Amino acid sequence: MSRKPLVNVQTFINEHPFGRFQWLVFFMCFVIVLLDGFDTAAIGFIAPSLLGEWHIAKPDLAPVLSAALFGLACGSLCAGPLSDRLGRRSLLLAAVALFGVACLGSAFSSTPQQLTALRFITGLGLGAAMPNAVTLMGEFCPDRRRATVINLMFCGFPLGAAFGGFLAAWMIPHFGWRSVLILGGVTPLVLAGLIAVEMPESVRFMVAAARPHDRIQAALARISKSAFEADRFVLTETAPSTGSKGLGLVLSRSYIVGSVMLWLAYFMGLVIFYASINWMPILLKDAGLTPRSATLISALFPLGGVGAVLSGVLMDRFNANRVVAVCYALTAVSVYAIGQAAGNMGALVLVVFLAGVLMNTAQSSMPALAAAFYPTEGRGTGVAWMLGIGRFGGIAGSFLVAELTRRHFGFAGVFAAVAVAGLVACAGLLIKQFAVTQAVSGTIGVESIHH
């Protein structure tokens, strides 16, 4: 058997089928995204029980409900640079264990203050886990399937949110609100055990960080045993290198415009998502619908995550920036249409579902777009900072609608204002595409140390 003196790790991944090992990595990363969706939905269902048990007013719940969002933002911003220095796997393992322990601890809270603090720590863990899951999955994917696989992974969020809602609705009357948090804590702890046993470090990261040859070989051999024939491993980056790592690369001259436009698009997308999720039931009720109809129609919005897989296929075949920009533009049109359909139940059902499909498709496509934009030395930070800064868009979306209603904007006016965020996101991605086209592309070679 002839030995290959030099093997390019990405070429190796590209040349082999997406096999059992990569599906196992996908499963672990998918469950992390699913748990984020579950946690986001479950806390909303727990809220009425907290009001009754602790005898508190609705405004006192605001810190409890928003603490995890702040934690998610902080976790993402801190975890990205750490993953580009320490590695994806160790940080992912620590993050999953942290949010598992914190969520389990939340189940035993006795005051709103305790629950708020533990919700923040849960958010920190989730915020750190999510971008590392995206980065790790992206670095084990063949180039031709990366966007499709990452978008498929992000279908876990709406699935987790729907599952969390249905499960919480059944569990709370039978076992109490604490049971939902116990389930939300035990599941990630079981997952952390699986990650510890089965998840290797990203091979792209190991080559870029000059980790031992035998560790790179062992990880690649799980894709194909032919990795044992290699004497040395190299990594070629299609994205230009700046000589910097982590945040230095993300904010460097070659990447700053694209980075800011990714942040802007993801931020604006979450403005729409959280403005709609948090306020649509109230706004529909105010527009004359019965509480039951308002709730059922609003529930259609987060169900629309299925379009993300189709978007991933299109992104792998065509210009990814333009595919997602079109999704945001169509989101703006459909969100505006919600405001115009208030008097027509049939039209309202259709446009809310359509807006949800387009919104979730665009938003779920963004991590794949970020993962493809950055080279290995800055990918962890690039993905994490986009997700982290975007979380503040979720907070801004809730406050935006509160301010618009305070200024007596009508139903149509609120949705017209929220729709503008979709146009801004679309413009951001078109500017990113123009900036990337103008940039001088280059390749860099990184070589592993031969033991």
Protein backbone atom coordinates (compact mmCIF):
# COMPACT_ATOMS: atom_id res chain seq x y z
CA MET A 1 0.00 0.00 0.00
CA SER A 2 1.59 3.30 -1.08
CA ARG A 3 1.83 6.00 1.55
CA LYS A 4 0.74 9.58 0.84
CA PRO A 5 3.38 11.97 2.14
CA LEU A 6 0.99 14.93 2.25
CA VAL A 7 -2.81 15.06 2.77
CA ASN A 8 -4.93 18.23 2.68
CA VAL A 9 -7.52 17.67 5.43
CA GLN A 10 -10.36 19.57 3.70
CA THR A 11 -9.70 17.76 0.40
CA PHE A 12 -9.76 14.49 2.37
CA ILE A 13 -13.16 15.41 3.90
CA ASN A 14 -14.46 16.55 0.47
CA GLU A 15 -13.43 13.29 -1.24
CA HIS A 16 -15.16 10.95 1.21
CA PRO A 17 -18.93 10.43 1.68
CA PHE A 18 -20.71 12.11 4.61
CA GLY A 19 -20.57 8.98 6.76
CA ARG A 20 -21.71 7.52 10.06
CA PHE A 21 -19.19 9.47 12.15
CA GLN A 22 -20.23 12.84 10.66
CA TRP A 23 -23.90 11.95 11.23
CA LEU A 24 -23.01 11.32 14.90
CA VAL A 25 -21.37 14.79 15.10
CA PHE A 26 -24.48 16.19 13.40
CA PHE A 27 -26.77 14.47 15.94
CA MET A 28 -24.86 15.93 18.92
CA CYS A 29 -24.83 19.45 17.41
CA PHE A 30 -28.52 19.15 16.39
CA VAL A 31 -29.50 18.29 19.99
CA ILE A 32 -27.69 21.46 21.23
CA VAL A 33 -29.75 23.61 18.83
CA LEU A 34 -32.90 21.67 19.80
CA LEU A 35 -32.21 22.40 23.50
CA ASP A 36 -31.87 26.13 22.73
CA GLY A 37 -35.32 26.09 21.11
CA PHE A 38 -36.76 24.00 23.97
CA ASP A 39 -35.37 26.38 26.59
CA THR A 40 -36.61 29.50 24.74
CA ALA A 41 -40.19 28.19 24.53
CA ALA A 42 -40.41 26.41 27.90
CA ILE A 43 -39.68 29.52 30.02
CA GLY A 44 -42.72 31.26 28.47
CA PHE A 45 -44.97 28.34 29.47
CA ILE A 46 -43.51 28.30 33.01
CA ALA A 47 -44.20 32.04 33.52
CA PRO A 48 -47.94 31.76 34.51
CA SER A 49 -47.06 29.13 37.16
CA LEU A 50 -44.42 31.46 38.64
CA LEU A 51 -46.97 34.26 38.98
CA GLY A 52 -49.26 31.99 40.98
CA GLU A 53 -46.68 30.24 43.16
CA TRP A 54 -44.59 33.29 44.07
CA HIS A 55 -47.47 35.83 44.12
CA ILE A 56 -45.61 38.32 41.92
CA ALA A 57 -46.84 40.87 39.37
CA LYS A 58 -46.27 40.45 35.61
CA PRO A 59 -43.59 43.21 35.43
CA ASP A 60 -41.54 41.26 38.03
CA LEU A 61 -41.19 38.46 35.47
CA ALA A 62 -39.33 40.65 32.96
CA PRO A 63 -35.85 39.95 34.44
CA VAL A 64 -36.56 36.20 34.60
CA LEU A 65 -37.67 36.11 30.95
CA SER A 66 -34.83 38.29 29.60
CA ALA A 67 -31.92 36.99 31.75
CA ALA A 68 -31.22 34.04 29.42
CA LEU A 69 -31.12 36.37 26.37
CA PHE A 70 -28.41 38.50 28.02
CA GLY A 71 -26.59 35.30 29.01
CA LEU A 72 -26.80 33.99 25.43
CA ALA A 73 -25.26 37.21 24.09
CA CYS A 74 -22.43 37.26 26.67
CA GLY A 75 -21.75 33.52 26.23
CA SER A 76 -21.39 33.87 22.45
CA LEU A 77 -19.13 36.94 22.64
CA CYS A 78 -16.77 35.31 25.16
CA ALA A 79 -16.77 31.78 23.74
CA GLY A 80 -15.76 32.59 20.15
CA PRO A 81 -12.27 33.97 20.86
CA LEU A 82 -11.71 31.18 23.43
CA SER A 83 -12.61 28.47 20.90
CA ASP A 84 -10.10 29.88 18.39
CA ARG A 85 -7.40 29.63 21.09
CA LEU A 86 -8.31 26.52 23.10
CA GLY A 87 -10.24 24.45 20.57
CA ARG A 88 -13.87 23.73 19.74
CA ARG A 89 -14.40 20.45 21.62
CA SER A 90 -13.25 21.40 25.13
CA LEU A 91 -15.28 24.62 25.08
CA LEU A 92 -18.36 22.84 23.70
CA LEU A 93 -18.14 20.20 26.43
CA ALA A 94 -17.76 22.82 29.20
CA ALA A 95 -20.62 24.93 27.77
CA VAL A 96 -23.08 22.00 27.52
CA ALA A 97 -22.22 20.88 31.07
CA LEU A 98 -22.65 24.47 32.35
CA PHE A 99 -26.12 25.01 30.89
CA GLY A 100 -27.17 21.53 32.05
CA VAL A 101 -26.12 22.19 35.66
CA ALA A 102 -27.61 25.73 35.66
CA CYS A 103 -30.93 24.59 34.16
CA LEU A 104 -31.15 21.74 36.67
CA GLY A 105 -30.35 24.21 39.48
CA SER A 106 -33.12 26.51 38.18
CA ALA A 107 -35.66 23.81 39.01
CA PHE A 108 -34.85 24.27 42.71
CA SER A 109 -35.10 28.09 42.78
CA SER A 110 -37.13 29.52 45.63
CA THR A 111 -37.16 33.22 44.62
CA PRO A 112 -37.39 35.18 41.34
CA GLN A 113 -33.87 36.55 42.02
CA GLN A 114 -32.38 33.03 42.23
CA LEU A 115 -34.16 31.98 39.05
CA THR A 116 -32.98 35.14 37.22
CA ALA A 117 -29.33 34.47 38.16
CA LEU A 118 -29.54 30.80 37.12
CA ARG A 119 -31.34 31.71 33.87
CA PHE A 120 -28.43 34.05 33.06
CA ILE A 121 -25.91 31.23 33.68
CA THR A 122 -28.05 28.84 31.57
CA GLY A 123 -27.91 31.46 28.80
CA LEU A 124 -24.11 31.75 29.15
CA GLY A 125 -23.75 28.01 28.59
CA LEU A 126 -26.19 27.90 25.67
CA GLY A 127 -24.62 31.02 24.13
CA ALA A 128 -21.17 29.39 24.24
CA ALA A 129 -22.38 26.00 23.00
CA MET A 130 -24.35 27.15 19.94
CA PRO A 131 -21.53 28.83 17.90
CA ASN A 132 -19.09 26.03 18.76
CA ALA A 133 -21.61 23.47 17.51
CA VAL A 134 -21.93 25.42 14.21
CA THR A 135 -18.14 25.75 13.84
CA LEU A 136 -17.40 22.09 14.67
CA MET A 137 -20.11 20.81 12.32
CA GLY A 138 -18.92 23.13 9.54
CA GLU A 139 -15.32 21.93 9.93
CA PHE A 140 -16.29 18.26 9.60
CA CYS A 141 -18.44 18.91 6.49
CA PRO A 142 -17.52 18.56 2.80
CA ASP A 143 -17.52 22.04 1.20
CA ARG A 144 -20.32 21.10 -1.22
CA ARG A 145 -22.75 20.20 1.61
CA ARG A 146 -21.80 22.65 4.38
CA ALA A 147 -24.72 25.10 4.09
CA THR A 148 -27.28 22.30 3.66
CA VAL A 149 -26.04 20.40 6.75
CA ILE A 150 -25.77 23.50 8.99
CA ASN A 151 -29.22 24.72 7.92
CA LEU A 152 -30.65 21.24 8.58
CA MET A 153 -29.04 21.41 12.03
CA PHE A 154 -30.74 24.76 12.70
CA CYS A 155 -34.16 23.22 12.02
CA GLY A 156 -33.66 21.90 15.55
CA PHE A 157 -34.50 25.34 16.98
CA PRO A 158 -38.16 25.62 15.80
CA LEU A 159 -38.57 21.86 16.42
CA GLY A 160 -37.24 22.30 19.99
CA ALA A 161 -39.46 25.35 20.51
CA ALA A 162 -42.59 23.48 19.32
CA PHE A 163 -41.62 20.35 21.29
CA GLY A 164 -40.87 22.49 24.37
CA GLY A 165 -44.27 24.13 24.16
CA PHE A 166 -46.24 20.90 23.77
CA LEU A 167 -44.22 19.06 26.40
CA ALA A 168 -44.45 21.93 28.93
CA ALA A 169 -48.22 22.18 28.35
CA TRP A 170 -48.51 18.47 29.28
CA MET A 171 -45.88 18.29 32.06
CA ILE A 172 -46.83 21.39 34.11
CA PRO A 173 -50.39 20.23 35.04
CA HIS A 174 -49.09 16.71 35.84
CA PHE A 175 -45.70 17.32 37.50
CA GLY A 176 -45.42 21.10 38.08
CA TRP A 177 -43.26 23.75 36.39
CA ARG A 178 -40.03 22.51 38.00
CA SER A 179 -40.25 19.22 36.04
CA VAL A 180 -39.73 21.11 32.75
CA LEU A 181 -36.46 22.60 34.04
CA ILE A 182 -35.32 19.22 35.40
CA LEU A 183 -35.79 17.69 31.93
CA GLY A 184 -34.04 20.72 30.37
CA GLY A 185 -31.10 20.15 32.74
CA VAL A 186 -30.71 16.36 32.67
CA THR A 187 -30.75 16.13 28.82
CA PRO A 188 -27.65 18.32 28.25
CA LEU A 189 -25.77 16.49 31.04
CA VAL A 190 -26.41 13.17 29.22
CA LEU A 191 -25.33 14.87 25.98
CA ALA A 192 -22.11 16.12 27.66
CA GLY A 193 -21.26 12.49 28.48
CA LEU A 194 -21.74 11.53 24.81
CA ILE A 195 -19.59 14.49 23.65
CA ALA A 196 -16.82 13.53 26.10
CA VAL A 197 -16.70 9.96 24.71
CA GLU A 198 -17.46 10.42 20.99
CA MET A 199 -16.59 13.97 19.87
CA PRO A 200 -13.01 14.61 18.68
CA GLU A 201 -11.49 18.06 18.20
CA SER A 202 -11.99 19.69 14.78
CA VAL A 203 -9.26 18.42 12.43
CA ARG A 204 -9.06 21.81 10.71
CA PHE A 205 -8.43 23.47 14.09
CA MET A 206 -5.82 20.84 15.04
CA VAL A 207 -3.83 21.40 11.83
CA ALA A 208 -4.08 25.21 12.16
CA ALA A 209 -2.98 24.99 15.83
CA ALA A 210 -0.15 22.51 15.03
CA ARG A 211 -1.55 19.77 17.29
CA PRO A 212 0.14 16.31 17.33
CA HIS A 213 0.04 14.33 14.09
CA ASP A 214 -1.43 11.18 15.67
CA ARG A 215 -4.44 13.11 17.09
CA ILE A 216 -5.26 14.55 13.64
CA GLN A 217 -4.82 11.11 12.09
CA ALA A 218 -7.08 9.41 14.67
CA ALA A 219 -9.87 11.96 14.10
CA LEU A 220 -9.67 11.72 10.30
CA ALA A 221 -9.54 7.92 10.46
CA ARG A 222 -13.11 8.01 11.80
CA ILE A 223 -14.12 9.36 8.36
CA SER A 224 -11.87 6.90 6.48
CA LYS A 225 -9.11 4.50 7.55
CA SER A 226 -7.02 5.75 4.60
CA ALA A 227 -5.96 8.63 6.92
CA PHE A 228 -3.42 6.17 8.41
CA GLU A 229 -1.53 6.26 5.09
CA ALA A 230 -0.66 9.97 5.49
CA ASP A 231 2.76 11.15 6.70
CA ARG A 232 1.74 14.80 7.08
CA PHE A 233 -1.44 16.86 7.05
CA VAL A 234 -1.89 20.35 5.59
CA LEU A 235 -4.80 22.78 5.43
CA THR A 236 -5.47 25.17 2.56
CA GLU A 237 -7.77 28.11 3.22
CA THR A 238 -9.68 29.70 0.36
CA ALA A 239 -10.50 32.73 2.56
CA PRO A 240 -7.61 35.23 2.81
CA SER A 241 -5.51 35.06 5.97
CA THR A 242 -4.45 38.16 7.88
CA GLY A 243 -1.87 36.55 10.15
CA SER A 244 -4.22 37.24 13.08
CA LYS A 245 -6.36 34.90 15.16
CA GLY A 246 -9.81 35.24 16.70
CA LEU A 247 -11.12 38.77 17.11
CA GLY A 248 -8.02 40.25 15.49
CA LEU A 249 -8.92 38.45 12.25
CA VAL A 250 -12.67 39.18 12.46
CA LEU A 251 -11.99 42.94 12.86
CA SER A 252 -9.07 43.05 10.39
CA ARG A 253 -9.17 45.19 7.27
CA SER A 254 -9.98 42.19 5.03
CA TYR A 255 -12.97 41.12 7.12
CA ILE A 256 -14.35 44.16 8.99
CA VAL A 257 -16.97 45.15 6.37
CA GLY A 258 -18.25 41.58 5.98
CA SER A 259 -18.24 41.06 9.77
CA VAL A 260 -20.27 44.22 10.48
CA MET A 261 -22.76 43.36 7.72
CA LEU A 262 -23.23 39.83 9.13
CA TRP A 263 -23.84 41.34 12.59
CA LEU A 264 -26.30 43.86 11.13
CA ALA A 265 -28.28 41.24 9.17
CA TYR A 266 -28.50 38.77 12.08
CA PHE A 267 -29.41 41.59 14.53
CA MET A 268 -32.21 42.82 12.25
CA GLY A 269 -33.48 39.28 11.70
CA LEU A 270 -33.85 38.76 15.45
CA VAL A 271 -35.58 42.15 15.78
CA ILE A 272 -38.30 40.72 13.51
CA PHE A 273 -38.31 37.29 15.18
CA TYR A 274 -38.67 38.45 18.80
CA ALA A 275 -40.94 41.40 17.97
CA SER A 276 -43.29 38.90 16.29
CA ILE A 277 -42.97 36.03 18.82
CA ASN A 278 -43.44 38.23 21.90
CA TRP A 279 -46.05 40.68 20.64
CA MET A 280 -48.12 39.03 17.92
CA PRO A 281 -50.69 37.39 20.27
CA ILE A 282 -51.30 40.74 22.02
CA LEU A 283 -51.45 42.75 18.76
CA LEU A 284 -53.85 40.27 17.11
CA LYS A 285 -56.09 40.34 20.18
CA ASP A 286 -56.09 44.16 20.11
CA ALA A 287 -56.98 43.97 16.39
CA GLY A 288 -60.22 42.17 17.30
CA LEU A 289 -59.38 38.45 17.26
CA THR A 290 -60.42 36.13 20.08
CA PRO A 291 -57.56 35.18 22.46
CA ARG A 292 -57.67 31.58 21.15
CA SER A 293 -57.44 32.63 17.48
CA ALA A 294 -54.66 35.11 18.29
CA THR A 295 -52.62 32.39 20.03
CA LEU A 296 -53.14 29.77 17.29
CA ILE A 297 -52.27 32.18 14.46
CA SER A 298 -49.18 33.44 16.34
CA ALA A 299 -48.03 29.83 16.83
CA LEU A 300 -47.76 29.46 13.03
CA PHE A 301 -44.88 31.96 12.93
CA PRO A 302 -42.10 29.87 14.57
CA LEU A 303 -43.23 26.69 12.76
CA GLY A 304 -41.81 27.94 9.49
CA GLY A 305 -38.24 26.64 9.94
CA VAL A 306 -38.57 23.89 7.33
CA GLY A 307 -37.56 26.18 4.43
CA ALA A 308 -34.01 26.35 5.83
CA VAL A 309 -33.01 23.02 4.22
CA LEU A 310 -34.06 24.23 0.75
CA SER A 311 -32.17 27.49 1.38
CA GLY A 312 -29.06 25.46 2.34
CA VAL A 313 -29.23 23.51 -0.95
CA LEU A 314 -29.55 26.81 -2.90
CA MET A 315 -26.65 28.34 -0.91
CA ASP A 316 -24.41 25.38 -1.80
CA ARG A 317 -25.26 25.80 -5.51
CA PHE A 318 -25.60 29.56 -6.02
CA ASN A 319 -24.29 32.76 -4.46
CA ALA A 320 -25.08 32.28 -0.76
CA ASN A 321 -25.15 36.01 0.14
CA ARG A 322 -27.75 36.71 -2.56
CA VAL A 323 -29.90 33.68 -1.64
CA VAL A 324 -30.19 34.84 2.00
CA ALA A 325 -30.60 38.53 0.98
CA VAL A 326 -33.61 37.55 -1.17
CA CYS A 327 -35.08 35.65 1.83
CA TYR A 328 -34.79 38.80 4.00
CA ALA A 329 -36.35 40.99 1.28
CA LEU A 330 -39.32 38.59 0.96
CA THR A 331 -39.56 38.49 4.78
CA ALA A 332 -39.96 42.28 4.78
CA VAL A 333 -42.75 42.06 2.19
CA SER A 334 -44.62 39.30 4.08
CA VAL A 335 -44.26 41.00 7.52
CA TYR A 336 -45.66 44.21 5.99
CA ALA A 337 -48.52 42.10 4.55
CA ILE A 338 -49.45 40.84 8.07
CA GLY A 339 -50.31 44.42 8.98
CA GLN A 340 -52.55 44.74 5.91
CA ALA A 341 -54.44 41.47 6.52
CA ALA A 342 -55.99 42.23 9.93
CA GLY A 343 -59.63 42.02 8.76
CA ASN A 344 -59.26 38.84 6.69
CA MET A 345 -58.73 35.63 8.72
CA GLY A 346 -57.75 33.46 5.72
CA ALA A 347 -55.19 35.96 4.43
CA LEU A 348 -53.84 36.48 7.98
CA VAL A 349 -53.21 32.74 8.50
CA LEU A 350 -51.44 32.53 5.12
CA VAL A 351 -49.17 35.58 5.49
CA VAL A 352 -48.22 34.79 9.12
CA PHE A 353 -47.15 31.27 8.10
CA LEU A 354 -45.37 32.58 4.98
CA ALA A 355 -43.58 35.28 7.00
CA GLY A 356 -42.50 32.60 9.50
CA VAL A 357 -41.12 30.33 6.76
CA LEU A 358 -39.16 33.18 5.13
CA MET A 359 -37.96 34.69 8.44
CA ASN A 360 -36.79 31.38 9.91
CA THR A 361 -35.20 30.35 6.61
CA ALA A 362 -33.17 33.56 6.41
CA GLN A 363 -32.16 33.46 10.08
CA SER A 364 -31.24 29.75 10.06
CA SER A 365 -29.04 30.33 6.99
CA MET A 366 -26.88 32.98 8.66
CA PRO A 367 -24.58 30.66 10.71
CA ALA A 368 -23.67 28.72 7.54
CA LEU A 369 -22.94 32.03 5.79
CA ALA A 370 -20.64 33.11 8.64
CA ALA A 371 -18.90 29.70 8.85
CA ALA A 372 -18.06 29.88 5.13
CA PHE A 373 -16.84 33.50 5.31
CA TYR A 374 -13.99 33.11 7.84
CA PRO A 375 -10.81 30.99 7.75
CA THR A 376 -10.14 28.44 10.52
CA GLU A 377 -8.11 30.85 12.72
CA GLY A 378 -11.13 33.15 13.13
CA ARG A 379 -14.16 30.98 12.36
CA GLY A 380 -15.09 30.30 15.99
CA THR A 381 -15.00 34.02 16.85
CA GLY A 382 -16.71 35.07 13.61
CA VAL A 383 -19.71 32.76 14.05
CA ALA A 384 -19.96 33.43 17.80
CA TRP A 385 -19.83 37.23 17.54
CA MET A 386 -22.52 37.26 14.86
CA LEU A 387 -24.77 35.11 17.09
CA GLY A 388 -23.86 37.15 20.21
CA ILE A 389 -24.43 40.61 18.75
CA GLY A 390 -27.58 39.33 17.05
CA ARG A 391 -29.07 38.35 20.43
CA PHE A 392 -29.25 42.05 21.32
CA GLY A 393 -31.55 42.35 18.28
CA GLY A 394 -33.94 40.02 20.11
CA ILE A 395 -33.94 42.37 23.10
CA ALA A 396 -34.31 45.41 20.81
CA GLY A 397 -37.25 43.81 18.96
CA SER A 398 -39.29 43.46 22.15
CA PHE A 399 -38.56 47.05 23.20
CA LEU A 400 -39.26 48.38 19.67
CA VAL A 401 -42.86 47.14 19.65
CA ALA A 402 -43.39 48.36 23.22
CA GLU A 403 -42.27 51.84 22.12
CA LEU A 404 -44.39 51.78 18.94
CA THR A 405 -47.52 50.85 20.92
CA ARG A 406 -46.73 53.59 23.46
CA ARG A 407 -46.69 56.04 20.52
CA HIS A 408 -50.12 54.70 19.46
CA PHE A 409 -49.02 52.99 16.23
CA GLY A 410 -51.87 50.88 14.82
CA PHE A 411 -51.67 47.19 13.84
CA ALA A 412 -50.58 47.99 10.26
CA GLY A 413 -48.11 50.65 11.45
CA VAL A 414 -46.32 48.29 13.87
CA PHE A 415 -45.80 45.60 11.23
CA ALA A 416 -44.73 48.18 8.60
CA ALA A 417 -42.05 49.44 11.03
CA VAL A 418 -40.87 45.90 11.88
CA ALA A 419 -40.69 45.03 8.15
CA VAL A 420 -38.03 47.72 7.63
CA ALA A 421 -35.60 45.52 9.59
CA GLY A 422 -35.85 42.89 6.80
CA LEU A 423 -34.87 45.46 4.16
CA VAL A 424 -31.90 46.57 6.27
CA ALA A 425 -30.75 42.92 6.64
CA CYS A 426 -31.08 42.41 2.86
CA ALA A 427 -29.03 45.57 2.16
CA GLY A 428 -26.36 44.44 4.65
CA LEU A 429 -25.81 41.12 2.86
CA LEU A 430 -25.66 42.80 -0.56
CA ILE A 431 -22.98 45.19 0.80
CA LYS A 432 -21.09 42.14 2.21
CA GLN A 433 -21.26 40.47 -1.23
CA PHE A 434 -19.93 43.63 -2.92
CA ALA A 435 -17.10 43.93 -0.33
CA VAL A 436 -16.10 40.26 -0.76
CA THR A 437 -16.08 40.66 -4.57
CA GLN A 438 -13.79 43.68 -4.21
CA ALA A 439 -11.41 41.95 -1.75
CA VAL A 440 -8.30 40.27 -3.07
CA SER A 441 -8.68 36.54 -2.50
CA GLY A 442 -5.72 34.41 -1.45
CA THR A 443 -4.88 31.00 -0.08
CA ILE A 444 -2.77 29.97 2.83
CA GLY A 445 -1.22 26.64 3.65
CA VAL A 446 -0.99 25.36 7.20
CA GLU A 447 0.95 22.21 7.99
CA SER A 448 0.72 19.79 10.88
CA ILE A 449 3.77 18.70 12.89
CA HIS A 450 4.89 15.20 11.98
CA HIS A 451 5.50 13.15 15.08
